[in-house]
């Protein structure tokens, strides 16, 4: 299944990635693909595919430690949007053990990466994943990567 994930998602075209993702989900179901997504991630050459993998894994960051570990590793990805998805996954996880990895981005040369890491740390410290998007703590912005919380 890992090889199928790589073949379907390690692409640069978002249209092809979306089609490949939908095909995989239709054949295997989302939850049964988590392990294959985690294993495929480090073997993907294109950032667009790695970004898609992390995007689909965010909803599992609270219940599956392997998703959190992958997100920690992805904080060092060359692609900014992959680092953003990694920060989002860690924010959603609300796990304190993610804080040291995120703190390591405090001096990152890319300003947005520093902002994403700070937002993730804020969400974790306040145990409120919505703060990843509601950076002013207004209570008017909500984020439901798991479809409902």
Protein backbone atom coordinates (compact mmCIF):
# COMPACT_ATOMS: atom_id res chain seq x y z
CA UNK A 1 0.00 0.00 0.00
CA UNK A 2 2.93 2.38 0.67
CA UNK A 3 4.03 2.09 -2.96
CA UNK A 4 0.49 2.92 -4.09
CA UNK A 5 0.46 6.03 -1.90
CA UNK A 6 3.76 7.20 -3.32
CA UNK A 7 2.63 6.53 -6.90
CA UNK A 8 -0.64 8.41 -6.33
CA UNK A 9 0.61 11.39 -4.32
CA UNK A 10 4.28 12.05 -5.09
CA UNK A 11 3.38 14.54 -7.80
CA UNK A 12 3.51 18.27 -8.43
CA UNK A 13 -0.01 18.68 -9.85
CA UNK A 14 -2.63 19.36 -7.18
CA UNK A 15 -5.29 18.01 -9.52
CA UNK A 16 -3.42 14.69 -9.79
CA UNK A 17 -2.82 14.58 -6.04
CA UNK A 18 -6.50 15.20 -5.34
CA UNK A 19 -7.53 12.48 -7.79
CA UNK A 20 -5.01 10.06 -6.34
CA UNK A 21 -6.13 10.81 -2.79
CA UNK A 22 -9.80 10.29 -3.62
CA UNK A 23 -8.99 7.03 -5.39
CA UNK A 24 -7.01 5.75 -2.40
CA UNK A 25 -9.75 6.79 0.04
CA UNK A 26 -12.41 5.07 -2.09
CA UNK A 27 -10.43 1.83 -2.26
CA UNK A 28 -9.08 1.62 1.29
CA UNK A 29 -10.88 4.13 3.51
CA UNK A 30 -9.14 7.03 5.21
CA UNK A 31 -8.19 5.49 8.52
CA UNK A 32 -6.66 2.36 7.03
CA UNK A 33 -4.25 4.55 5.01
CA UNK A 34 -2.69 6.33 7.99
CA UNK A 35 0.22 3.91 8.37
CA UNK A 36 0.95 3.94 4.64
CA UNK A 37 0.84 7.75 4.58
CA UNK A 38 3.30 7.93 7.48
CA UNK A 39 5.66 5.45 5.80
CA UNK A 40 5.38 7.10 2.38
CA UNK A 41 6.08 10.64 3.58
CA UNK A 42 9.89 10.44 3.92
CA UNK A 43 10.17 8.72 0.54
CA UNK A 44 8.34 11.43 -1.38
CA UNK A 45 10.45 13.67 -3.58
CA UNK A 46 7.87 16.40 -4.23
CA UNK A 47 6.79 18.79 -1.50
CA UNK A 48 3.25 18.89 -2.88
CA UNK A 49 2.78 15.21 -2.06
CA UNK A 50 4.32 15.57 1.40
CA UNK A 51 2.03 18.54 2.01
CA UNK A 52 -1.04 16.49 1.02
CA UNK A 53 -0.02 13.61 3.29
CA UNK A 54 0.33 15.87 6.32
CA UNK A 55 -2.92 17.67 5.51
CA UNK A 56 -4.83 14.37 5.59
CA UNK A 57 -3.05 13.17 8.74
CA UNK A 58 -3.83 16.23 10.90
CA UNK A 59 -7.14 14.79 12.08
CA UNK A 60 -5.30 11.77 13.55
CA UNK A 61 -2.73 13.79 15.51
CA UNK A 62 -4.65 13.46 18.78
CA UNK A 63 -4.98 9.73 18.77
CA UNK A 64 -1.95 8.40 16.88
CA UNK A 65 1.54 9.13 18.21
CA UNK A 66 3.13 8.19 14.89
CA UNK A 67 1.39 11.17 13.29
CA UNK A 68 2.84 13.47 15.93
CA UNK A 69 6.32 12.03 15.43
CA UNK A 70 6.03 12.50 11.67
CA UNK A 71 4.90 16.10 12.18
CA UNK A 72 7.89 16.77 14.43
CA UNK A 73 10.22 15.45 11.73
CA UNK A 74 8.41 17.47 9.06
CA UNK A 75 9.17 20.71 10.91
CA UNK A 76 12.55 20.50 9.20
CA UNK A 77 11.17 20.08 5.68
CA UNK A 78 12.61 22.34 2.99
CA UNK A 79 9.12 23.39 1.88
CA UNK A 80 7.40 26.10 3.90
CA UNK A 81 3.88 24.74 3.35
CA UNK A 82 4.94 21.32 4.59
CA UNK A 83 6.30 22.98 7.75
CA UNK A 84 2.95 24.77 8.09
CA UNK A 85 1.03 21.48 7.92
CA UNK A 86 3.44 20.02 10.50
CA UNK A 87 2.75 22.95 12.83
CA UNK A 88 -0.98 22.50 12.29
CA UNK A 89 -0.79 18.80 13.15
CA UNK A 90 1.13 19.54 16.33
CA UNK A 91 -1.29 22.31 17.26
CA UNK A 92 -4.21 19.93 16.82
CA UNK A 93 -2.46 17.26 18.86
CA UNK A 94 -2.31 19.60 21.88
CA UNK A 95 0.66 17.53 23.11
CA UNK A 96 3.13 19.23 25.42
CA UNK A 97 5.94 16.99 24.16
CA UNK A 98 5.69 18.81 20.82
CA UNK A 99 6.71 22.14 22.38
CA UNK A 100 10.51 21.61 22.27
CA UNK A 101 10.39 20.76 18.57
CA UNK A 102 8.28 23.84 17.86
CA UNK A 103 10.52 26.04 20.01
CA UNK A 104 13.35 25.00 17.70
CA UNK A 105 11.68 27.06 14.97
CA UNK A 106 11.74 30.30 17.00
CA UNK A 107 14.75 31.55 15.04
CA UNK A 108 13.87 30.04 11.66
CA UNK A 109 14.83 32.32 8.78
CA UNK A 110 11.34 32.12 7.27
CA UNK A 111 9.03 34.54 9.09
CA UNK A 112 5.83 32.61 8.38
CA UNK A 113 7.39 29.43 9.76
CA UNK A 114 8.16 31.28 12.99
CA UNK A 115 4.53 32.53 13.08
CA UNK A 116 3.10 29.05 12.48
CA UNK A 117 5.29 27.56 15.19
CA UNK A 118 4.28 30.29 17.64
CA UNK A 119 0.59 29.74 16.86
CA UNK A 120 1.00 25.99 17.39
CA UNK A 121 2.75 26.54 20.73
CA UNK A 122 0.01 28.97 21.79
CA UNK A 123 -2.66 26.39 20.94
CA UNK A 124 -0.85 23.68 22.88
CA UNK A 125 -0.17 25.86 25.92
CA UNK A 126 -3.81 26.93 26.10
CA UNK A 127 -5.13 23.44 25.23
CA UNK A 128 -7.27 25.02 22.52
CA UNK A 129 -6.49 23.94 18.96
CA UNK A 130 -8.67 26.77 17.59
CA UNK A 131 -5.92 29.21 18.60
CA UNK A 132 -3.84 27.96 15.68
CA UNK A 133 -6.22 29.97 13.48
CA UNK A 134 -7.69 32.33 16.10
CA UNK A 135 -4.41 34.00 16.97
CA UNK A 136 -6.09 36.88 18.78
CA UNK A 137 -8.14 34.51 20.97
CA UNK A 138 -11.34 36.22 19.82
CA UNK A 139 -13.50 33.12 19.94
CA UNK A 140 -14.79 33.97 16.45
CA UNK A 141 -12.56 31.63 14.44
CA UNK A 142 -12.90 27.87 14.64
CA UNK A 143 -10.88 25.06 13.14
CA UNK A 144 -12.20 21.51 12.80
CA UNK A 145 -9.64 19.31 11.03
CA UNK A 146 -11.33 16.25 12.48
CA UNK A 147 -14.67 17.28 11.08
CA UNK A 148 -16.31 18.46 14.24
CA UNK A 149 -14.48 19.61 17.33
